[in-house]
Amino acid sequence: MSPEAITKLLKAKLPDCEIYVEVNGSRCHITAIGEIFEGKRPVQRQQLVYRALSTQISEGHIHAVAMNTFTSEEWHDEKQVNCDSPLG
């Protein structure tokens, strides 16, 4: 699946989220940012994303998924840390 197709699918299921997708073959890395993740444990956040992709995963269109999920505040903090880092 293309990054655009995965992004479109995720935005339909997680409509108020910013979605960034990188694809390498049947593996993809997803970054999702939205208030839907507020107050949820990491596994609950992952379940929301996996639920949105369940058909594509079960049909083999997506083989492996790596993801990062953030609230808007967490994303802002993450960007600050990466910008302040001598490596980033």
PDB file of N, CA and C in Angstrom:
ATOM      1  N   MET A   1       0.850  -1.192   0.000  1.00  0.00           N
ATOM      2  CA  MET A   1       0.000   0.000   0.000  1.00  0.00           C
ATOM      3  C   MET A   1       0.883   1.238   0.000  1.00  0.00           C
ATOM      4  N   SER A   2       0.400   2.261  -0.635  1.00  0.00           N
ATOM      5  CA  SER A   2       1.148   3.512  -0.689  1.00  0.00           C
ATOM      6  C   SER A   2       0.969   4.293   0.615  1.00  0.00           C
ATOM      7  N   PRO A   3       1.918   5.174   0.929  1.00  0.00           N
ATOM      8  CA  PRO A   3       1.766   6.018   2.113  1.00  0.00           C
ATOM      9  C   PRO A   3       0.484   6.853   2.052  1.00  0.00           C
ATOM     10  N   GLU A   4       0.135   7.292   0.851  1.00  0.00           N
ATOM     11  CA  GLU A   4      -1.066   8.109   0.687  1.00  0.00           C
ATOM     12  C   GLU A   4      -2.329   7.317   1.016  1.00  0.00           C
ATOM     13  N   ALA A   5      -2.378   6.062   0.574  1.00  0.00           N
ATOM     14  CA  ALA A   5      -3.550   5.218   0.839  1.00  0.00           C
ATOM     15  C   ALA A   5      -3.685   4.925   2.329  1.00  0.00           C
ATOM     16  N   ILE A   6      -2.566   4.655   2.988  1.00  0.00           N
ATOM     17  CA  ILE A   6      -2.600   4.393   4.428  1.00  0.00           C
ATOM     18  C   ILE A   6      -3.000   5.653   5.180  1.00  0.00           C
ATOM     19  N   THR A   7      -2.451   6.788   4.772  1.00  0.00           N
ATOM     20  CA  THR A   7      -2.801   8.061   5.409  1.00  0.00           C
ATOM     21  C   THR A   7      -4.288   8.338   5.270  1.00  0.00           C
ATOM     22  N   LYS A   8      -4.826   8.137   4.077  1.00  0.00           N
ATOM     23  CA  LYS A   8      -6.253   8.374   3.838  1.00  0.00           C
ATOM     24  C   LYS A   8      -7.106   7.469   4.717  1.00  0.00           C
ATOM     25  N   LEU A   9      -6.731   6.213   4.803  1.00  0.00           N
ATOM     26  CA  LEU A   9      -7.461   5.254   5.630  1.00  0.00           C
ATOM     27  C   LEU A   9      -7.427   5.660   7.105  1.00  0.00           C
ATOM     28  N   LEU A  10      -6.255   6.015   7.594  1.00  0.00           N
ATOM     29  CA  LEU A  10      -6.125   6.408   9.003  1.00  0.00           C
ATOM     30  C   LEU A  10      -6.885   7.695   9.304  1.00  0.00           C
ATOM     31  N   LYS A  11      -6.834   8.651   8.382  1.00  0.00           N
ATOM     32  CA  LYS A  11      -7.562   9.907   8.609  1.00  0.00           C
ATOM     33  C   LYS A  11      -9.070   9.680   8.630  1.00  0.00           C
ATOM     34  N   ALA A  12      -9.539   8.683   7.891  1.00  0.00           N
ATOM     35  CA  ALA A  12     -10.972   8.364   7.914  1.00  0.00           C
ATOM     36  C   ALA A  12     -11.374   7.773   9.261  1.00  0.00           C
ATOM     37  N   LYS A  13     -10.488   6.977   9.859  1.00  0.00           N
ATOM     38  CA  LYS A  13     -10.791   6.321  11.138  1.00  0.00           C
ATOM     39  C   LYS A  13     -10.394   7.172  12.345  1.00  0.00           C
ATOM     40  N   LEU A  14      -9.409   8.044  12.160  1.00  0.00           N
ATOM     41  CA  LEU A  14      -8.921   8.928  13.223  1.00  0.00           C
ATOM     42  C   LEU A  14      -8.968  10.359  12.687  1.00  0.00           C
ATOM     43  N   PRO A  15     -10.165  10.900  12.485  1.00  0.00           N
ATOM     44  CA  PRO A  15     -10.342  12.119  11.701  1.00  0.00           C
ATOM     45  C   PRO A  15      -9.676  13.380  12.242  1.00  0.00           C
ATOM     46  N   ASP A  16      -9.454  13.475  13.522  1.00  0.00           N
ATOM     47  CA  ASP A  16      -8.865  14.695  14.066  1.00  0.00           C
ATOM     48  C   ASP A  16      -7.369  14.564  14.308  1.00  0.00           C
ATOM     49  N   CYS A  17      -6.751  13.584  13.685  1.00  0.00           N
ATOM     50  CA  CYS A  17      -5.323  13.341  13.888  1.00  0.00           C
ATOM     51  C   CYS A  17      -4.502  13.810  12.689  1.00  0.00           C
ATOM     52  N   GLU A  18      -3.295  14.257  12.990  1.00  0.00           N
ATOM     53  CA  GLU A  18      -2.285  14.438  11.953  1.00  0.00           C
ATOM     54  C   GLU A  18      -1.651  13.067  11.768  1.00  0.00           C
ATOM     55  N   ILE A  19      -1.448  12.673  10.534  1.00  0.00           N
ATOM     56  CA  ILE A  19      -0.914  11.347  10.242  1.00  0.00           C
ATOM     57  C   ILE A  19       0.281  11.491   9.300  1.00  0.00           C
ATOM     58  N   TYR A  20       1.370  10.824   9.648  1.00  0.00           N
ATOM     59  CA  TYR A  20       2.556  10.768   8.793  1.00  0.00           C
ATOM     60  C   TYR A  20       2.906   9.295   8.603  1.00  0.00           C
ATOM     61  N   VAL A  21       3.117   8.897   7.354  1.00  0.00           N
ATOM     62  CA  VAL A  21       3.362   7.485   7.051  1.00  0.00           C
ATOM     63  C   VAL A  21       4.582   7.356   6.144  1.00  0.00           C
ATOM     64  N   GLU A  22       5.457   6.426   6.502  1.00  0.00           N
ATOM     65  CA  GLU A  22       6.571   6.030   5.648  1.00  0.00           C
ATOM     66  C   GLU A  22       6.401   4.541   5.363  1.00  0.00           C
ATOM     67  N   VAL A  23       6.593   4.150   4.108  1.00  0.00           N
ATOM     68  CA  VAL A  23       6.416   2.750   3.722  1.00  0.00           C
ATOM     69  C   VAL A  23       7.701   2.232   3.089  1.00  0.00           C
ATOM     70  N   ASN A  24       8.064   1.014   3.480  1.00  0.00           N
ATOM     71  CA  ASN A  24       9.190   0.313   2.876  1.00  0.00           C
ATOM     72  C   ASN A  24       8.713  -1.107   2.588  1.00  0.00           C
ATOM     73  N   GLY A  25       8.286  -1.355   1.373  1.00  0.00           N
ATOM     74  CA  GLY A  25       7.712  -2.654   1.023  1.00  0.00           C
ATOM     75  C   GLY A  25       6.377  -2.827   1.721  1.00  0.00           C
ATOM     76  N   SER A  26       6.240  -3.904   2.486  1.00  0.00           N
ATOM     77  CA  SER A  26       4.984  -4.126   3.211  1.00  0.00           C
ATOM     78  C   SER A  26       5.084  -3.675   4.669  1.00  0.00           C
ATOM     79  N   ARG A  27       6.147  -2.979   4.984  1.00  0.00           N
ATOM     80  CA  ARG A  27       6.340  -2.452   6.339  1.00  0.00           C
ATOM     81  C   ARG A  27       6.081  -0.954   6.334  1.00  0.00           C
ATOM     82  N   CYS A  28       5.476  -0.484   7.411  1.00  0.00           N
ATOM     83  CA  CYS A  28       5.238   0.953   7.461  1.00  0.00           C
ATOM     84  C   CYS A  28       5.491   1.495   8.863  1.00  0.00           C
ATOM     85  N   HIS A  29       5.871   2.770   8.890  1.00  0.00           N
ATOM     86  CA  HIS A  29       6.049   3.489  10.142  1.00  0.00           C
ATOM     87  C   HIS A  29       5.029   4.616  10.149  1.00  0.00           C
ATOM     88  N   ILE A  30       4.269   4.682  11.223  1.00  0.00           N
ATOM     89  CA  ILE A  30       3.190   5.661  11.346  1.00  0.00           C
ATOM     90  C   ILE A  30       3.464   6.562  12.536  1.00  0.00           C
ATOM     91  N   THR A  31       3.305   7.856  12.316  1.00  0.00           N
ATOM     92  CA  THR A  31       3.282   8.817  13.410  1.00  0.00           C
ATOM     93  C   THR A  31       1.898   9.434  13.394  1.00  0.00           C
ATOM     94  N   ALA A  32       1.207   9.336  14.520  1.00  0.00           N
ATOM     95  CA  ALA A  32      -0.149   9.878  14.636  1.00  0.00           C
ATOM     96  C   ALA A  32      -0.178  10.848  15.809  1.00  0.00           C
ATOM     97  N   ILE A  33      -0.733  12.036  15.559  1.00  0.00           N
ATOM     98  CA  ILE A  33      -0.808  13.085  16.570  1.00  0.00           C
ATOM     99  C   ILE A  33      -2.249  13.522  16.700  1.00  0.00           C
ATOM    100  N   GLY A  34      -2.784  13.448  17.911  1.00  0.00           N
ATOM    101  CA  GLY A  34      -4.165  13.886  18.110  1.00  0.00           C
ATOM    102  C   GLY A  34      -4.609  13.761  19.551  1.00  0.00           C
ATOM    103  N   GLU A  35      -5.631  14.507  19.875  1.00  0.00           N
ATOM    104  CA  GLU A  35      -6.158  14.498  21.239  1.00  0.00           C
ATOM    105  C   GLU A  35      -6.891  13.203  21.563  1.00  0.00           C
ATOM    106  N   ILE A  36      -7.183  12.394  20.558  1.00  0.00           N
ATOM    107  CA  ILE A  36      -7.809  11.092  20.794  1.00  0.00           C
ATOM    108  C   ILE A  36      -6.934  10.221  21.703  1.00  0.00           C
ATOM    109  N   PHE A  37      -5.634  10.510  21.751  1.00  0.00           N
ATOM    110  CA  PHE A  37      -4.701   9.720  22.552  1.00  0.00           C
ATOM    111  C   PHE A  37      -4.572  10.211  23.993  1.00  0.00           C
ATOM    112  N   GLU A  38      -5.177  11.349  24.290  1.00  0.00           N
ATOM    113  CA  GLU A  38      -5.096  11.924  25.637  1.00  0.00           C
ATOM    114  C   GLU A  38      -5.615  10.938  26.680  1.00  0.00           C
ATOM    115  N   GLY A  39      -4.809  10.708  27.724  1.00  0.00           N
ATOM    116  CA  GLY A  39      -5.221   9.854  28.832  1.00  0.00           C
ATOM    117  C   GLY A  39      -5.181   8.366  28.550  1.00  0.00           C
ATOM    118  N   LYS A  40      -4.701   7.978  27.372  1.00  0.00           N
ATOM    119  CA  LYS A  40      -4.654   6.556  27.026  1.00  0.00           C
ATOM    120  C   LYS A  40      -3.240   6.009  27.222  1.00  0.00           C
ATOM    121  N   ARG A  41      -3.172   4.771  27.665  1.00  0.00           N
ATOM    122  CA  ARG A  41      -1.886   4.089  27.801  1.00  0.00           C
ATOM    123  C   ARG A  41      -1.355   3.768  26.399  1.00  0.00           C
ATOM    124  N   PRO A  42      -0.040   3.547  26.291  1.00  0.00           N
ATOM    125  CA  PRO A  42       0.533   3.252  24.973  1.00  0.00           C
ATOM    126  C   PRO A  42      -0.165   2.107  24.241  1.00  0.00           C
ATOM    127  N   VAL A  43      -0.503   1.035  24.937  1.00  0.00           N
ATOM    128  CA  VAL A  43      -1.162  -0.090  24.258  1.00  0.00           C
ATOM    129  C   VAL A  43      -2.547   0.307  23.748  1.00  0.00           C
ATOM    130  N   GLN A  44      -3.258   1.148  24.463  1.00  0.00           N
ATOM    131  CA  GLN A  44      -4.573   1.613  24.004  1.00  0.00           C
ATOM    132  C   GLN A  44      -4.429   2.483  22.759  1.00  0.00           C
ATOM    133  N   ARG A  45      -3.391   3.286  22.720  1.00  0.00           N
ATOM    134  CA  ARG A  45      -3.128   4.121  21.540  1.00  0.00           C
ATOM    135  C   ARG A  45      -2.837   3.235  20.327  1.00  0.00           C
ATOM    136  N   GLN A  46      -1.992   2.229  20.536  1.00  0.00           N
ATOM    137  CA  GLN A  46      -1.668   1.312  19.442  1.00  0.00           C
ATOM    138  C   GLN A  46      -2.903   0.578  18.947  1.00  0.00           C
ATOM    139  N   GLN A  47      -3.768   0.183  19.869  1.00  0.00           N
ATOM    140  CA  GLN A  47      -4.987  -0.525  19.480  1.00  0.00           C
ATOM    141  C   GLN A  47      -5.859   0.330  18.567  1.00  0.00           C
ATOM    142  N   LEU A  48      -5.934   1.634  18.827  1.00  0.00           N
ATOM    143  CA  LEU A  48      -6.717   2.522  17.962  1.00  0.00           C
ATOM    144  C   LEU A  48      -6.175   2.510  16.533  1.00  0.00           C
ATOM    145  N   VAL A  49      -4.858   2.576  16.412  1.00  0.00           N
ATOM    146  CA  VAL A  49      -4.243   2.586  15.079  1.00  0.00           C
ATOM    147  C   VAL A  49      -4.388   1.216  14.418  1.00  0.00           C
ATOM    148  N   TYR A  50      -4.091   0.154  15.152  1.00  0.00           N
ATOM    149  CA  TYR A  50      -4.224  -1.195  14.582  1.00  0.00           C
ATOM    150  C   TYR A  50      -5.659  -1.487  14.155  1.00  0.00           C
ATOM    151  N   ARG A  51      -6.626  -1.038  14.941  1.00  0.00           N
ATOM    152  CA  ARG A  51      -8.034  -1.258  14.591  1.00  0.00           C
ATOM    153  C   ARG A  51      -8.350  -0.608  13.240  1.00  0.00           C
ATOM    154  N   ALA A  52      -7.785   0.570  13.012  1.00  0.00           N
ATOM    155  CA  ALA A  52      -8.031   1.271  11.748  1.00  0.00           C
ATOM    156  C   ALA A  52      -7.415   0.532  10.558  1.00  0.00           C
ATOM    157  N   LEU A  53      -6.376  -0.253  10.820  1.00  0.00           N
ATOM    158  CA  LEU A  53      -5.664  -0.961   9.744  1.00  0.00           C
ATOM    159  C   LEU A  53      -5.932  -2.461   9.721  1.00  0.00           C
ATOM    160  N   SER A  54      -6.861  -2.932  10.525  1.00  0.00           N
ATOM    161  CA  SER A  54      -7.040  -4.375  10.719  1.00  0.00           C
ATOM    162  C   SER A  54      -7.289  -5.140   9.419  1.00  0.00           C
ATOM    163  N   THR A  55      -8.100  -4.611   8.540  1.00  0.00           N
ATOM    164  CA  THR A  55      -8.385  -5.311   7.284  1.00  0.00           C
ATOM    165  C   THR A  55      -7.135  -5.410   6.423  1.00  0.00           C
ATOM    166  N   GLN A  56      -6.397  -4.307   6.305  1.00  0.00           N
ATOM    167  CA  GLN A  56      -5.198  -4.301   5.469  1.00  0.00           C
ATOM    168  C   GLN A  56      -4.128  -5.236   6.030  1.00  0.00           C
ATOM    169  N   ILE A  57      -4.047  -5.319   7.357  1.00  0.00           N
ATOM    170  CA  ILE A  57      -3.086  -6.230   7.976  1.00  0.00           C
ATOM    171  C   ILE A  57      -3.522  -7.678   7.759  1.00  0.00           C
ATOM    172  N   SER A  58      -4.791  -7.975   8.003  1.00  0.00           N
ATOM    173  CA  SER A  58      -5.265  -9.362   7.865  1.00  0.00           C
ATOM    174  C   SER A  58      -5.217  -9.845   6.421  1.00  0.00           C
ATOM    175  N   GLU A  59      -5.355  -8.937   5.464  1.00  0.00           N
ATOM    176  CA  GLU A  59      -5.281  -9.307   4.050  1.00  0.00           C
ATOM    177  C   GLU A  59      -3.848  -9.321   3.522  1.00  0.00           C
ATOM    178  N   GLY A  60      -2.883  -8.957   4.371  1.00  0.00           N
ATOM    179  CA  GLY A  60      -1.479  -9.009   3.986  1.00  0.00           C
ATOM    180  C   GLY A  60      -0.960  -7.809   3.221  1.00  0.00           C
ATOM    181  N   HIS A  61      -1.764  -6.754   3.090  1.00  0.00           N
ATOM    182  CA  HIS A  61      -1.303  -5.550   2.393  1.00  0.00           C
ATOM    183  C   HIS A  61      -0.257  -4.813   3.217  1.00  0.00           C
ATOM    184  N   ILE A  62      -0.367  -4.942   4.526  1.00  0.00           N
ATOM    185  CA  ILE A  62       0.613  -4.370   5.447  1.00  0.00           C
ATOM    186  C   ILE A  62       1.109  -5.524   6.300  1.00  0.00           C
ATOM    187  N   HIS A  63       2.420  -5.697   6.322  1.00  0.00           N
ATOM    188  CA  HIS A  63       2.992  -6.830   7.051  1.00  0.00           C
ATOM    189  C   HIS A  63       3.418  -6.433   8.464  1.00  0.00           C
ATOM    190  N   ALA A  64       4.100  -5.317   8.579  1.00  0.00           N
ATOM    191  CA  ALA A  64       4.616  -4.892   9.880  1.00  0.00           C
ATOM    192  C   ALA A  64       4.362  -3.402  10.057  1.00  0.00           C
ATOM    193  N   VAL A  65       4.025  -3.032  11.272  1.00  0.00           N
ATOM    194  CA  VAL A  65       3.732  -1.635  11.577  1.00  0.00           C
ATOM    195  C   VAL A  65       4.557  -1.212  12.785  1.00  0.00           C
ATOM    196  N   ALA A  66       5.241  -0.099  12.633  1.00  0.00           N
ATOM    197  CA  ALA A  66       5.878   0.570  13.764  1.00  0.00           C
ATOM    198  C   ALA A  66       5.156   1.900  13.905  1.00  0.00           C
ATOM    199  N   MET A  67       4.950   2.325  15.123  1.00  0.00           N
ATOM    200  CA  MET A  67       4.204   3.578  15.274  1.00  0.00           C
ATOM    201  C   MET A  67       4.656   4.366  16.480  1.00  0.00           C
ATOM    202  N   ASN A  68       4.431   5.660  16.359  1.00  0.00           N
ATOM    203  CA  ASN A  68       4.567   6.595  17.469  1.00  0.00           C
ATOM    204  C   ASN A  68       3.263   7.359  17.529  1.00  0.00           C
ATOM    205  N   THR A  69       2.707   7.479  18.725  1.00  0.00           N
ATOM    206  CA  THR A  69       1.462   8.225  18.899  1.00  0.00           C
ATOM    207  C   THR A  69       1.691   9.308  19.939  1.00  0.00           C
ATOM    208  N   PHE A  70       1.137  10.486  19.665  1.00  0.00           N
ATOM    209  CA  PHE A  70       1.334  11.637  20.530  1.00  0.00           C
ATOM    210  C   PHE A  70       0.050  12.440  20.639  1.00  0.00           C
ATOM    211  N   THR A  71      -0.138  13.107  21.776  1.00  0.00           N
ATOM    212  CA  THR A  71      -1.106  14.196  21.835  1.00  0.00           C
ATOM    213  C   THR A  71      -0.405  15.405  21.222  1.00  0.00           C
ATOM    214  N   SER A  72      -1.130  16.473  20.972  1.00  0.00           N
ATOM    215  CA  SER A  72      -0.510  17.682  20.416  1.00  0.00           C
ATOM    216  C   SER A  72       0.582  18.210  21.337  1.00  0.00           C
ATOM    217  N   GLU A  73       0.314  18.189  22.635  1.00  0.00           N
ATOM    218  CA  GLU A  73       1.301  18.679  23.605  1.00  0.00           C
ATOM    219  C   GLU A  73       2.553  17.801  23.611  1.00  0.00           C
ATOM    220  N   GLU A  74       2.354  16.488  23.577  1.00  0.00           N
ATOM    221  CA  GLU A  74       3.498  15.575  23.538  1.00  0.00           C
ATOM    222  C   GLU A  74       4.313  15.772  22.260  1.00  0.00           C
ATOM    223  N   TRP A  75       3.622  15.996  21.148  1.00  0.00           N
ATOM    224  CA  TRP A  75       4.310  16.208  19.869  1.00  0.00           C
ATOM    225  C   TRP A  75       5.131  17.484  19.921  1.00  0.00           C
ATOM    226  N   HIS A  76       4.562  18.527  20.476  1.00  0.00           N
ATOM    227  CA  HIS A  76       5.283  19.790  20.629  1.00  0.00           C
ATOM    228  C   HIS A  76       6.539  19.569  21.466  1.00  0.00           C
ATOM    229  N   ASP A  77       6.391  18.861  22.584  1.00  0.00           N
ATOM    230  CA  ASP A  77       7.533  18.574  23.455  1.00  0.00           C
ATOM    231  C   ASP A  77       8.574  17.724  22.737  1.00  0.00           C
ATOM    232  N   GLU A  78       8.135  16.742  21.971  1.00  0.00           N
ATOM    233  CA  GLU A  78       9.041  15.866  21.223  1.00  0.00           C
ATOM    234  C   GLU A  78       9.850  16.668  20.211  1.00  0.00           C
ATOM    235  N   LYS A  79       9.192  17.570  19.502  1.00  0.00           N
ATOM    236  CA  LYS A  79       9.891  18.397  18.515  1.00  0.00           C
ATOM    237  C   LYS A  79      10.903  19.299  19.199  1.00  0.00           C
ATOM    238  N   GLN A  80      10.553  19.835  20.376  1.00  0.00           N
ATOM    239  CA  GLN A  80      11.472  20.695  21.123  1.00  0.00           C
ATOM    240  C   GLN A  80      12.718  19.908  21.518  1.00  0.00           C
ATOM    241  N   VAL A  81      12.542  18.706  22.014  1.00  0.00           N
ATOM    242  CA  VAL A  81      13.674  17.872  22.425  1.00  0.00           C
ATOM    243  C   VAL A  81      14.565  17.582  21.226  1.00  0.00           C
ATOM    244  N   ASN A  82      13.972  17.215  20.107  1.00  0.00           N
ATOM    245  CA  ASN A  82      14.757  16.891  18.917  1.00  0.00           C
ATOM    246  C   ASN A  82      15.457  18.105  18.341  1.00  0.00           C
ATOM    247  N   CYS A  83      14.836  19.275  18.421  1.00  0.00           N
ATOM    248  CA  CYS A  83      15.459  20.495  17.906  1.00  0.00           C
ATOM    249  C   CYS A  83      16.613  20.936  18.795  1.00  0.00           C
ATOM    250  N   ASP A  84      16.495  20.700  20.099  1.00  0.00           N
ATOM    251  CA  ASP A  84      17.531  21.111  21.041  1.00  0.00           C
ATOM    252  C   ASP A  84      18.690  20.126  21.099  1.00  0.00           C
ATOM    253  N   SER A  85      18.500  18.952  20.549  1.00  0.00           N
ATOM    254  CA  SER A  85      19.528  17.919  20.593  1.00  0.00           C
ATOM    255  C   SER A  85      20.653  18.253  19.617  1.00  0.00           C
ATOM    256  N   PRO A  86      21.903  18.023  20.010  1.00  0.00           N
ATOM    257  CA  PRO A  86      23.000  18.269  19.071  1.00  0.00           C
ATOM    258  C   PRO A  86      22.967  17.326  17.872  1.00  0.00           C
ATOM    259  N   LEU A  87      22.206  16.221  17.993  1.00  0.00           N
ATOM    260  CA  LEU A  87      22.101  15.271  16.883  1.00  0.00           C
ATOM    261  C   LEU A  87      20.922  15.548  15.977  1.00  0.00           C
ATOM    262  N   GLY A  88      19.969  16.342  16.440  1.00  0.00           N
ATOM    263  CA  GLY A  88      18.743  16.444  15.688  1.00  0.00           C
ATOM    264  C   GLY A  88      18.428  17.774  15.196  1.00  0.00           C
TER     265      GLY A  88
END
